[in-house]
C-alpha atoms as a PDB file:
ATOM      1  CA  UNK A   1      85.955  48.906 151.748  1.00  0.00           C
ATOM      2  CA  UNK A   2      87.240  52.532 152.074  1.00  0.00           C
ATOM      3  CA  UNK A   3      90.318  52.497 149.925  1.00  0.00           C
ATOM      4  CA  UNK A   4      90.186  51.900 145.736  1.00  0.00           C
ATOM      5  CA  UNK A   5      92.823  48.995 145.884  1.00  0.00           C
ATOM      6  CA  UNK A   6      90.316  46.985 147.837  1.00  0.00           C
ATOM      7  CA  UNK A   7      87.295  47.755 145.633  1.00  0.00           C
ATOM      8  CA  UNK A   8      89.454  46.879 142.378  1.00  0.00           C
ATOM      9  CA  UNK A   9      88.003  44.727 139.953  1.00  0.00           C
ATOM     10  CA  UNK A  10      88.027  43.227 137.059  1.00  0.00           C
ATOM     11  CA  UNK A  11      85.786  42.039 133.635  1.00  0.00           C
ATOM     12  CA  UNK A  12      86.739  39.422 131.550  1.00  0.00           C
ATOM     13  CA  UNK A  13      85.820  41.627 128.428  1.00  0.00           C
ATOM     14  CA  UNK A  14      89.106  43.199 129.193  1.00  0.00           C
ATOM     15  CA  UNK A  15      90.862  40.246 127.924  1.00  0.00           C
ATOM     16  CA  UNK A  16      87.952  39.790 125.136  1.00  0.00           C
ATOM     17  CA  UNK A  17      85.899  37.565 126.147  1.00  0.00           C
ATOM     18  CA  UNK A  18      82.460  39.076 125.300  1.00  0.00           C
ATOM     19  CA  UNK A  19      78.888  37.300 124.737  1.00  0.00           C
ATOM     20  CA  UNK A  20      78.522  38.708 121.127  1.00  0.00           C
ATOM     21  CA  UNK A  21      79.020  35.866 118.321  1.00  0.00           C
ATOM     22  CA  UNK A  22      81.895  36.646 116.159  1.00  0.00           C
ATOM     23  CA  UNK A  23      83.404  38.836 118.556  1.00  0.00           C
ATOM     24  CA  UNK A  24      86.755  37.470 118.478  1.00  0.00           C
ATOM     25  CA  UNK A  25      89.197  34.629 119.900  1.00  0.00           C
ATOM     26  CA  UNK A  26      87.760  33.687 123.318  1.00  0.00           C
ATOM     27  CA  UNK A  27      90.266  32.641 125.637  1.00  0.00           C
ATOM     28  CA  UNK A  28      89.489  30.532 128.536  1.00  0.00           C
ATOM     29  CA  UNK A  29      88.438  31.112 132.171  1.00  0.00           C
ATOM     30  CA  UNK A  30      91.870  29.482 133.967  1.00  0.00           C
ATOM     31  CA  UNK A  31      94.237  32.380 131.737  1.00  0.00           C
ATOM     32  CA  UNK A  32      91.917  35.238 132.222  1.00  0.00           C
ATOM     33  CA  UNK A  33      91.375  34.292 136.204  1.00  0.00           C
ATOM     34  CA  UNK A  34      94.902  33.530 136.374  1.00  0.00           C
ATOM     35  CA  UNK A  35      96.249  36.437 135.332  1.00  0.00           C
ATOM     36  CA  UNK A  36      93.579  39.029 137.369  1.00  0.00           C
ATOM     37  CA  UNK A  37      95.087  36.914 140.154  1.00  0.00           C
ATOM     38  CA  UNK A  38      98.289  37.883 139.541  1.00  0.00           C
ATOM     39  CA  UNK A  39      97.844  41.559 138.904  1.00  0.00           C
ATOM     40  CA  UNK A  40      96.390  41.870 142.981  1.00  0.00           C
ATOM     41  CA  UNK A  41      92.971  42.242 141.667  1.00  0.00           C
ATOM     42  CA  UNK A  42      90.361  40.747 144.665  1.00  0.00           C
ATOM     43  CA  UNK A  43      87.224  40.630 142.360  1.00  0.00           C
ATOM     44  CA  UNK A  44      85.418  40.214 138.697  1.00  0.00           C
ATOM     45  CA  UNK A  45      82.252  39.667 137.336  1.00  0.00           C
ATOM     46  CA  UNK A  46      81.012  36.551 135.674  1.00  0.00           C
ATOM     47  CA  UNK A  47      81.540  36.991 132.010  1.00  0.00           C
ATOM     48  CA  UNK A  48      79.088  35.774 129.495  1.00  0.00           C
ATOM     49  CA  UNK A  49      77.650  32.413 129.656  1.00  0.00           C
ATOM     50  CA  UNK A  50      79.909  29.745 129.055  1.00  0.00           C
ATOM     51  CA  UNK A  51      82.854  31.890 130.116  1.00  0.00           C
ATOM     52  CA  UNK A  52      81.911  29.941 133.753  1.00  0.00           C
ATOM     53  CA  UNK A  53      80.364  27.052 134.688  1.00  0.00           C
ATOM     54  CA  UNK A  54      76.904  27.560 134.282  1.00  0.00           C
ATOM     55  CA  UNK A  55      75.984  25.418 137.268  1.00  0.00           C
ATOM     56  CA  UNK A  56      75.494  27.745 140.188  1.00  0.00           C
ATOM     57  CA  UNK A  57      78.185  25.859 142.894  1.00  0.00           C
ATOM     58  CA  UNK A  58      80.677  24.824 140.276  1.00  0.00           C
ATOM     59  CA  UNK A  59      80.986  28.536 139.120  1.00  0.00           C
ATOM     60  CA  UNK A  60      81.504  29.741 142.845  1.00  0.00           C
ATOM     61  CA  UNK A  61      84.225  26.682 143.063  1.00  0.00           C
ATOM     62  CA  UNK A  62      85.582  28.039 140.053  1.00  0.00           C
ATOM     63  CA  UNK A  63      85.986  31.677 141.617  1.00  0.00           C
ATOM     64  CA  UNK A  64      87.105  30.427 144.890  1.00  0.00           C
ATOM     65  CA  UNK A  65      90.283  28.291 143.443  1.00  0.00           C
ATOM     66  CA  UNK A  66      91.306  31.597 141.827  1.00  0.00           C
ATOM     67  CA  UNK A  67      90.629  33.441 145.312  1.00  0.00           C
ATOM     68  CA  UNK A  68      88.361  36.009 143.261  1.00  0.00           C
ATOM     69  CA  UNK A  69      85.337  37.480 144.848  1.00  0.00           C
ATOM     70  CA  UNK A  70      82.686  37.088 142.635  1.00  0.00           C
ATOM     71  CA  UNK A  71      80.547  40.671 141.772  1.00  0.00           C
ATOM     72  CA  UNK A  72      77.876  39.140 139.462  1.00  0.00           C
ATOM     73  CA  UNK A  73      77.999  40.568 136.196  1.00  0.00           C
ATOM     74  CA  UNK A  74      76.780  41.740 132.678  1.00  0.00           C
ATOM     75  CA  UNK A  75      72.966  40.093 132.187  1.00  0.00           C
ATOM     76  CA  UNK A  76      71.411  41.044 128.895  1.00  0.00           C
ATOM     77  CA  UNK A  77      68.003  40.900 129.365  1.00  0.00           C
ATOM     78  CA  UNK A  78      64.918  41.787 126.892  1.00  0.00           C
ATOM     79  CA  UNK A  79      62.739  43.879 128.590  1.00  0.00           C
ATOM     80  CA  UNK A  80      60.019  45.472 125.933  1.00  0.00           C
ATOM     81  CA  UNK A  81      58.881  42.424 124.422  1.00  0.00           C
ATOM     82  CA  UNK A  82      55.372  41.410 125.605  1.00  0.00           C
ATOM     83  CA  UNK A  83      55.698  38.139 123.823  1.00  0.00           C
ATOM     84  CA  UNK A  84      58.718  37.275 126.273  1.00  0.00           C
ATOM     85  CA  UNK A  85      58.880  37.329 129.940  1.00  0.00           C
ATOM     86  CA  UNK A  86      62.359  37.694 131.511  1.00  0.00           C
ATOM     87  CA  UNK A  87      61.957  37.003 135.162  1.00  0.00           C
ATOM     88  CA  UNK A  88      62.823  32.964 134.488  1.00  0.00           C
ATOM     89  CA  UNK A  89      65.909  33.696 132.990  1.00  0.00           C
ATOM     90  CA  UNK A  90      66.133  35.883 135.924  1.00  0.00           C
ATOM     91  CA  UNK A  91      65.510  33.731 138.471  1.00  0.00           C
ATOM     92  CA  UNK A  92      67.864  31.274 137.410  1.00  0.00           C
ATOM     93  CA  UNK A  93      70.811  33.839 136.991  1.00  0.00           C
ATOM     94  CA  UNK A  94      69.804  35.209 140.770  1.00  0.00           C
ATOM     95  CA  UNK A  95      70.654  31.727 142.460  1.00  0.00           C
ATOM     96  CA  UNK A  96      73.945  31.641 140.367  1.00  0.00           C
ATOM     97  CA  UNK A  97      74.729  35.003 142.069  1.00  0.00           C
ATOM     98  CA  UNK A  98      73.597  33.581 145.602  1.00  0.00           C
ATOM     99  CA  UNK A  99      75.719  30.536 145.422  1.00  0.00           C
ATOM    100  CA  UNK A 100      78.655  32.759 144.575  1.00  0.00           C
ATOM    101  CA  UNK A 101      78.135  35.043 147.204  1.00  0.00           C
ATOM    102  CA  UNK A 102      77.731  37.500 144.300  1.00  0.00           C
ATOM    103  CA  UNK A 103      75.999  41.003 145.277  1.00  0.00           C
ATOM    104  CA  UNK A 104      75.448  43.131 141.853  1.00  0.00           C
ATOM    105  CA  UNK A 105      73.565  42.041 138.767  1.00  0.00           C
ATOM    106  CA  UNK A 106      74.433  44.489 135.713  1.00  0.00           C
ATOM    107  CA  UNK A 107      71.243  44.347 133.377  1.00  0.00           C
ATOM    108  CA  UNK A 108      71.948  45.358 129.751  1.00  0.00           C
ATOM    109  CA  UNK A 109      68.808  45.979 127.870  1.00  0.00           C
ATOM    110  CA  UNK A 110      68.653  44.217 125.126  1.00  0.00           C
ATOM    111  CA  UNK A 111      67.249  45.149 121.353  1.00  0.00           C
ATOM    112  CA  UNK A 112      66.161  41.496 120.198  1.00  0.00           C
ATOM    113  CA  UNK A 113      68.834  42.048 117.578  1.00  0.00           C
ATOM    114  CA  UNK A 114      72.380  40.393 118.143  1.00  0.00           C
ATOM    115  CA  UNK A 115      75.194  42.222 118.746  1.00  0.00           C
ATOM    116  CA  UNK A 116      75.355  46.058 119.005  1.00  0.00           C
ATOM    117  CA  UNK A 117      75.622  47.871 115.868  1.00  0.00           C
ATOM    118  CA  UNK A 118      71.851  48.834 115.650  1.00  0.00           C
ATOM    119  CA  UNK A 119      68.824  49.407 117.731  1.00  0.00           C
ATOM    120  CA  UNK A 120      65.550  50.890 117.602  1.00  0.00           C
ATOM    121  CA  UNK A 121      63.124  53.494 119.484  1.00  0.00           C
ATOM    122  CA  UNK A 122      60.778  52.363 121.935  1.00  0.00           C
ATOM    123  CA  UNK A 123      56.896  53.874 121.816  1.00  0.00           C
ATOM    124  CA  UNK A 124      55.238  54.596 125.001  1.00  0.00           C
ATOM    125  CA  UNK A 125      53.740  51.254 125.517  1.00  0.00           C
ATOM    126  CA  UNK A 126      57.021  49.778 125.295  1.00  0.00           C
ATOM    127  CA  UNK A 127      58.915  52.451 127.688  1.00  0.00           C
ATOM    128  CA  UNK A 128      55.901  51.315 130.028  1.00  0.00           C
ATOM    129  CA  UNK A 129      56.409  47.512 129.942  1.00  0.00           C
ATOM    130  CA  UNK A 130      60.267  48.370 129.639  1.00  0.00           C
ATOM    131  CA  UNK A 131      59.731  49.644 133.042  1.00  0.00           C
ATOM    132  CA  UNK A 132      57.660  47.719 134.561  1.00  0.00           C
ATOM    133  CA  UNK A 133      59.953  44.695 134.049  1.00  0.00           C
ATOM    134  CA  UNK A 134      62.931  46.448 135.381  1.00  0.00           C
ATOM    135  CA  UNK A 135      60.942  47.453 138.327  1.00  0.00           C
ATOM    136  CA  UNK A 136      59.904  43.738 138.957  1.00  0.00           C
ATOM    137  CA  UNK A 137      63.606  42.477 138.372  1.00  0.00           C
ATOM    138  CA  UNK A 138      65.102  44.910 140.730  1.00  0.00           C
ATOM    139  CA  UNK A 139      62.520  44.050 143.686  1.00  0.00           C
ATOM    140  CA  UNK A 140      63.220  40.269 142.904  1.00  0.00           C
ATOM    141  CA  UNK A 141      66.898  40.893 143.322  1.00  0.00           C
ATOM    142  CA  UNK A 142      66.784  42.822 146.166  1.00  0.00           C
ATOM    143  CA  UNK A 143      64.784  40.014 148.051  1.00  0.00           C
ATOM    144  CA  UNK A 144      67.882  38.288 147.618  1.00  0.00           C
ATOM    145  CA  UNK A 145      70.622  40.978 148.886  1.00  0.00           C
ATOM    146  CA  UNK A 146      71.318  41.386 145.347  1.00  0.00           C
ATOM    147  CA  UNK A 147      71.432  44.624 143.954  1.00  0.00           C
ATOM    148  CA  UNK A 148      70.110  44.903 139.778  1.00  0.00           C
ATOM    149  CA  UNK A 149      71.555  48.139 138.200  1.00  0.00           C
ATOM    150  CA  UNK A 150      70.669  48.915 134.530  1.00  0.00           C
ATOM    151  CA  UNK A 151      74.183  49.533 132.216  1.00  0.00           C
ATOM    152  CA  UNK A 152      73.663  52.291 129.432  1.00  0.00           C
ATOM    153  CA  UNK A 153      75.255  50.390 126.727  1.00  0.00           C
ATOM    154  CA  UNK A 154      75.773  51.540 122.852  1.00  0.00           C
ATOM    155  CA  UNK A 155      73.829  49.429 121.153  1.00  0.00           C
ATOM    156  CA  UNK A 156      71.188  48.687 123.821  1.00  0.00           C
ATOM    157  CA  UNK A 157      67.792  50.320 124.526  1.00  0.00           C
ATOM    158  CA  UNK A 158      69.502  52.095 127.379  1.00  0.00           C
ATOM    159  CA  UNK A 159      71.982  54.416 125.212  1.00  0.00           C
ATOM    160  CA  UNK A 160      71.603  58.151 124.827  1.00  0.00           C
ATOM    161  CA  UNK A 161      71.045  60.695 127.427  1.00  0.00           C
ATOM    162  CA  UNK A 162      66.943  60.814 127.176  1.00  0.00           C
ATOM    163  CA  UNK A 163      67.213  56.775 127.744  1.00  0.00           C
ATOM    164  CA  UNK A 164      69.321  57.293 131.051  1.00  0.00           C
ATOM    165  CA  UNK A 165      66.806  59.986 131.923  1.00  0.00           C
ATOM    166  CA  UNK A 166      64.200  57.583 131.484  1.00  0.00           C
ATOM    167  CA  UNK A 167      65.526  55.039 133.891  1.00  0.00           C
ATOM    168  CA  UNK A 168      66.489  57.567 136.633  1.00  0.00           C
ATOM    169  CA  UNK A 169      62.898  58.998 136.253  1.00  0.00           C
ATOM    170  CA  UNK A 170      60.649  56.201 135.876  1.00  0.00           C
ATOM    171  CA  UNK A 171      62.556  53.714 137.639  1.00  0.00           C
ATOM    172  CA  UNK A 172      63.366  52.311 140.633  1.00  0.00           C
ATOM    173  CA  UNK A 173      66.789  51.210 139.588  1.00  0.00           C
ATOM    174  CA  UNK A 174      69.791  52.653 139.661  1.00  0.00           C
ATOM    175  CA  UNK A 175      72.723  52.629 137.179  1.00  0.00           C
ATOM    176  CA  UNK A 176      76.207  51.280 136.323  1.00  0.00           C
ATOM    177  CA  UNK A 177      78.591  53.863 135.997  1.00  0.00           C
ATOM    178  CA  UNK A 178      80.080  53.165 132.252  1.00  0.00           C
ATOM    179  CA  UNK A 179      82.313  55.666 131.583  1.00  0.00           C
ATOM    180  CA  UNK A 180      82.931  54.777 128.075  1.00  0.00           C
ATOM    181  CA  UNK A 181      79.291  53.818 127.097  1.00  0.00           C
ATOM    182  CA  UNK A 182      77.455  56.842 128.552  1.00  0.00           C
ATOM    183  CA  UNK A 183      80.429  58.971 126.407  1.00  0.00           C
ATOM    184  CA  UNK A 184      79.687  57.411 123.535  1.00  0.00           C
ATOM    185  CA  UNK A 185      76.524  57.530 123.947  1.00  0.00           C
ATOM    186  CA  UNK A 186      76.415  61.342 124.233  1.00  0.00           C
ATOM    187  CA  UNK A 187      76.202  61.774 128.326  1.00  0.00           C
ATOM    188  CA  UNK A 188      78.784  62.919 130.117  1.00  0.00           C
ATOM    189  CA  UNK A 189      79.956  60.679 132.734  1.00  0.00           C
ATOM    190  CA  UNK A 190      81.695  63.117 135.271  1.00  0.00           C
ATOM    191  CA  UNK A 191      78.293  65.874 135.371  1.00  0.00           C
ATOM    192  CA  UNK A 192      76.521  62.586 135.627  1.00  0.00           C
ATOM    193  CA  UNK A 193      78.221  61.351 138.632  1.00  0.00           C
ATOM    194  CA  UNK A 194      78.026  64.804 139.953  1.00  0.00           C
ATOM    195  CA  UNK A 195      73.820  65.139 139.937  1.00  0.00           C
ATOM    196  CA  UNK A 196      73.182  61.424 140.459  1.00  0.00           C
ATOM    197  CA  UNK A 197      75.633  59.713 142.542  1.00  0.00           C
ATOM    198  CA  UNK A 198      73.490  58.513 144.863  1.00  0.00           C
ATOM    199  CA  UNK A 199      71.990  56.733 142.045  1.00  0.00           C
ATOM    200  CA  UNK A 200      75.067  54.816 141.215  1.00  0.00           C
ATOM    201  CA  UNK A 201      75.197  51.464 142.291  1.00  0.00           C
ATOM    202  CA  UNK A 202      78.114  49.918 140.323  1.00  0.00           C
ATOM    203  CA  UNK A 203      80.623  51.496 137.766  1.00  0.00           C
ATOM    204  CA  UNK A 204      82.504  50.261 134.798  1.00  0.00           C
ATOM    205  CA  UNK A 205      85.399  52.458 134.421  1.00  0.00           C
ATOM    206  CA  UNK A 206      86.835  52.494 130.910  1.00  0.00           C
ATOM    207  CA  UNK A 207      88.672  55.245 129.268  1.00  0.00           C
ATOM    208  CA  UNK A 208      87.999  56.302 125.681  1.00  0.00           C
ATOM    209  CA  UNK A 209      89.665  57.743 122.897  1.00  0.00           C
ATOM    210  CA  UNK A 210      86.890  60.744 122.513  1.00  0.00           C
ATOM    211  CA  UNK A 211      88.255  61.143 118.269  1.00  0.00           C
ATOM    212  CA  UNK A 212      87.072  57.289 117.560  1.00  0.00           C
ATOM    213  CA  UNK A 213      83.932  57.331 119.780  1.00  0.00           C
ATOM    214  CA  UNK A 214      82.765  60.678 117.822  1.00  0.00           C
ATOM    215  CA  UNK A 215      83.012  58.055 114.560  1.00  0.00           C
ATOM    216  CA  UNK A 216      80.561  56.043 116.400  1.00  0.00           C
ATOM    217  CA  UNK A 217      78.634  58.824 117.312  1.00  0.00           C
ATOM    218  CA  UNK A 218      77.836  59.707 113.825  1.00  0.00           C
ATOM    219  CA  UNK A 219      77.799  56.274 112.456  1.00  0.00           C
ATOM    220  CA  UNK A 220      80.641  56.576 110.412  1.00  0.00           C
ATOM    221  CA  UNK A 221      81.989  53.675 111.716  1.00  0.00           C
ATOM    222  CA  UNK A 222      80.062  50.497 113.569  1.00  0.00           C
ATOM    223  CA  UNK A 223      80.657  49.866 117.391  1.00  0.00           C
ATOM    224  CA  UNK A 224      82.784  46.907 116.773  1.00  0.00           C
ATOM    225  CA  UNK A 225      84.660  48.690 114.276  1.00  0.00           C
ATOM    226  CA  UNK A 226      85.659  51.354 117.041  1.00  0.00           C
ATOM    227  CA  UNK A 227      86.740  48.614 119.362  1.00  0.00           C
ATOM    228  CA  UNK A 228      88.813  47.236 116.628  1.00  0.00           C
ATOM    229  CA  UNK A 229      90.241  50.737 115.813  1.00  0.00           C
ATOM    230  CA  UNK A 230      91.686  51.523 119.331  1.00  0.00           C
ATOM    231  CA  UNK A 231      88.695  52.998 120.998  1.00  0.00           C
ATOM    232  CA  UNK A 232      89.256  51.881 124.218  1.00  0.00           C
ATOM    233  CA  UNK A 233      92.336  52.757 126.155  1.00  0.00           C
ATOM    234  CA  UNK A 234      94.101  51.823 129.322  1.00  0.00           C
ATOM    235  CA  UNK A 235      92.574  53.821 132.525  1.00  0.00           C
ATOM    236  CA  UNK A 236      93.840  57.496 132.197  1.00  0.00           C
ATOM    237  CA  UNK A 237      95.429  57.389 128.662  1.00  0.00           C
ATOM    238  CA  UNK A 238      91.769  58.387 126.944  1.00  0.00           C
ATOM    239  CA  UNK A 239      89.920  61.650 127.125  1.00  0.00           C
ATOM    240  CA  UNK A 240      87.008  60.480 129.984  1.00  0.00           C
ATOM    241  CA  UNK A 241      88.637  62.071 132.998  1.00  0.00           C
ATOM    242  CA  UNK A 242      88.463  58.688 135.019  1.00  0.00           C
ATOM    243  CA  UNK A 243      90.615  60.424 137.698  1.00  0.00           C
ATOM    244  CA  UNK A 244      88.270  63.264 138.390  1.00  0.00           C
ATOM    245  CA  UNK A 245      85.226  60.470 138.074  1.00  0.00           C
ATOM    246  CA  UNK A 246      87.135  58.506 140.336  1.00  0.00           C
ATOM    247  CA  UNK A 247      87.888  61.476 143.107  1.00  0.00           C
ATOM    248  CA  UNK A 248      83.701  62.384 142.511  1.00  0.00           C
ATOM    249  CA  UNK A 249      82.877  59.080 143.643  1.00  0.00           C
ATOM    250  CA  UNK A 250      84.785  58.762 146.696  1.00  0.00           C
ATOM    251  CA  UNK A 251      83.913  62.177 147.923  1.00  0.00           C
ATOM    252  CA  UNK A 252      79.895  61.515 147.559  1.00  0.00           C
ATOM    253  CA  UNK A 253      80.857  58.076 149.475  1.00  0.00           C
ATOM    254  CA  UNK A 254      80.178  55.408 147.058  1.00  0.00           C
ATOM    255  CA  UNK A 255      80.318  52.370 148.695  1.00  0.00           C
ATOM    256  CA  UNK A 256      80.869  49.940 145.423  1.00  0.00           C
ATOM    257  CA  UNK A 257      83.427  48.461 143.271  1.00  0.00           C
ATOM    258  CA  UNK A 258      85.981  50.045 140.954  1.00  0.00           C
ATOM    259  CA  UNK A 259      85.203  47.808 137.867  1.00  0.00           C
ATOM    260  CA  UNK A 260      88.141  47.805 135.242  1.00  0.00           C
ATOM    261  CA  UNK A 261      86.862  47.665 131.821  1.00  0.00           C
ATOM    262  CA  UNK A 262      88.653  47.805 128.565  1.00  0.00           C
ATOM    263  CA  UNK A 263      86.403  46.271 125.622  1.00  0.00           C
ATOM    264  CA  UNK A 264      89.377  44.406 123.237  1.00  0.00           C
ATOM    265  CA  UNK A 265      88.847  41.983 120.629  1.00  0.00           C
ATOM    266  CA  UNK A 266      91.451  39.089 119.538  1.00  0.00           C
ATOM    267  CA  UNK A 267      92.178  38.004 116.181  1.00  0.00           C
ATOM    268  CA  UNK A 268      94.019  34.413 117.550  1.00  0.00           C
ATOM    269  CA  UNK A 269      95.661  33.560 120.791  1.00  0.00           C
ATOM    270  CA  UNK A 270      98.277  36.163 121.907  1.00  0.00           C
ATOM    271  CA  UNK A 271     101.222  34.949 121.156  1.00  0.00           C
ATOM    272  CA  UNK A 272     103.048  37.606 123.762  1.00  0.00           C
ATOM    273  CA  UNK A 273     101.375  38.955 126.845  1.00  0.00           C
ATOM    274  CA  UNK A 274      98.440  39.608 125.683  1.00  0.00           C
ATOM    275  CA  UNK A 275      95.614  41.720 126.685  1.00  0.00           C
ATOM    276  CA  UNK A 276      96.888  41.800 130.652  1.00  0.00           C
ATOM    277  CA  UNK A 277      99.291  44.298 129.648  1.00  0.00           C
ATOM    278  CA  UNK A 278      96.789  47.085 129.610  1.00  0.00           C
ATOM    279  CA  UNK A 279      94.998  45.743 132.513  1.00  0.00           C
ATOM    280  CA  UNK A 280      98.173  45.731 134.414  1.00  0.00           C
ATOM    281  CA  UNK A 281      98.426  50.034 132.916  1.00  0.00           C
ATOM    282  CA  UNK A 282      94.827  50.474 134.283  1.00  0.00           C
ATOM    283  CA  UNK A 283      95.798  48.864 137.729  1.00  0.00           C
ATOM    284  CA  UNK A 284      98.862  51.157 138.255  1.00  0.00           C
ATOM    285  CA  UNK A 285      96.994  54.092 137.385  1.00  0.00           C
ATOM    286  CA  UNK A 286      94.390  53.249 140.014  1.00  0.00           C
ATOM    287  CA  UNK A 287      97.087  52.570 142.535  1.00  0.00           C
ATOM    288  CA  UNK A 288      98.889  55.925 141.607  1.00  0.00           C
ATOM    289  CA  UNK A 289      95.375  57.307 142.320  1.00  0.00           C
ATOM    290  CA  UNK A 290      94.922  55.876 145.966  1.00  0.00           C
ATOM    291  CA  UNK A 291      98.495  57.776 146.696  1.00  0.00           C
ATOM    292  CA  UNK A 292      97.816  60.991 145.518  1.00  0.00           C
ATOM    293  CA  UNK A 293      94.444  60.714 147.771  1.00  0.00           C
ATOM    294  CA  UNK A 294      96.088  59.122 150.516  1.00  0.00           C
ATOM    295  CA  UNK A 295      95.963  61.776 153.249  1.00  0.00           C
END
């Protein structure tokens, strides 16, 4: 997997497919996966529960029909609640990953509240339990040849720079470098790559308008309203510095996927081209970057 193009992946969220109740109109899997394939994308994340079949073999078959390799994907899990054992749900998901040949489980640390517009702080005992559960999941996944990574994400228990540093310093987990959520949470993704490239296990490449992200950061608008306001844009059209990040990852020997994500909310079924138009622009940006880097 030496080039950007050979590692180009997508995620259903770029088509507005999301696990949050009431997020917006949800497109069907056949439409989304067909449009991925038409763009020359070779791999996809699974998307939220219900997007693909729950049964492992059926899920694998759907992706095979669309000539898409399974990466794994975004998996929300509650890690800090002593009344909740996350391992049963994780074990079932790992079975589906094995059946589909997926290699990365992207863990989002749920707050216990639906959506991403509110969160709370953990005390010392909560962090200790969080770390123990996280390390147990990382080991259980590794035993099956799957890498479990932590996804810093607005409105989850891993949002701020201090949260990210706790994961890096206190657990064995690697990170999913989500360039958009890191920036919105206060972490410079360029600096993170340069300091911790060896702890980057997966990427979600998002580009963000900083002016809108700042309104989310200061509480002026919710995360959901930020998405509706156009906080996310095609790669290369925002303020994150995607080109620099990809170049630094390649220079550091990052071996994983470059997964394009542009969080989108659809009001209704698109009457025109729909979200695929923005994804096409992101693909073009990464392919142009690859040509720039060619020897």
